[in-house]
């Protein structure tokens, strides 16, 4: 598996989840063995000048927190972009660490149909309107080099337009929405052919009182002999043993019994996160 995340420039600098996932990237239980982060950097985020949006020159500086290599590349040069992406993939494959590709580019139109960028970035947009689009720029270069002919280029464009037009025409005929095409379900056979879930019947999940008592006793004992535990914990375990004996449960014991019964069936359970180690929840 190769994990690839696509970010916007303002989102990369501004979303707390980006910083948090970088810090998860090298934890023993969480690592994906490196993620390739691709930042589509249009240099204004939504409409805000970068100087007003963050304290560093690059949106990608947040990746320095884990010393991830960061490649800044001119997105008007497709071959440079391909080269950098290959290097990033090789880095990730060799070192199993995160890597960032910063595509320095521009947004030709507004953020959405209602947005007029000339309101907020008049000078930048005067420059952008003069820019030759990247496809034309690259095609002109290839035609000048003799790598492709103008006819080959035009045929390629026409072929792509045809795919889009045909798909658009077909979409008008589609009266049925196939939900199953959109659901990447990990449970084969969960949906019937029309994409609707089969009846949600579930085998009984109850367990015997004997098993509950057994789990309760295990949950209130110490697994190692002659192991000296904190006196506060002995009190908790003692109270838990008494509850089990008196056929009572609180939230923590109920949760223990749920996990215990799943473990009894040979299903692996991994707990992680806040206060798991001390058993608060």
Foldseek 3Di string as FASTA:
>chain_A
DAAEAEEELLCLQPPPVNLVVLVQCPDPVRHPLEHEYEYAYQCQRQQHHVVVRDDDPGSNVSNCVNPAEEAEDALLDVVRVVVVVVVQVVCSVVRSYYHYYYHHHHDQAHSDPPDHNCVRCVVVNVVSVPDDDSLVVVVVVCCVVVVDPPVVSVVVVVVVVVVVVVVVVVVVVDPQDQVVVVDPDPDPPQADPSNHGDPPDDPDPDDDLVLLLVLLLVVLDDPDPPDDDDPVSPVVSVVSNVCSVVVHDDPLSVVSSVVSVCVVVVDDDDDDDDPVVVSPD
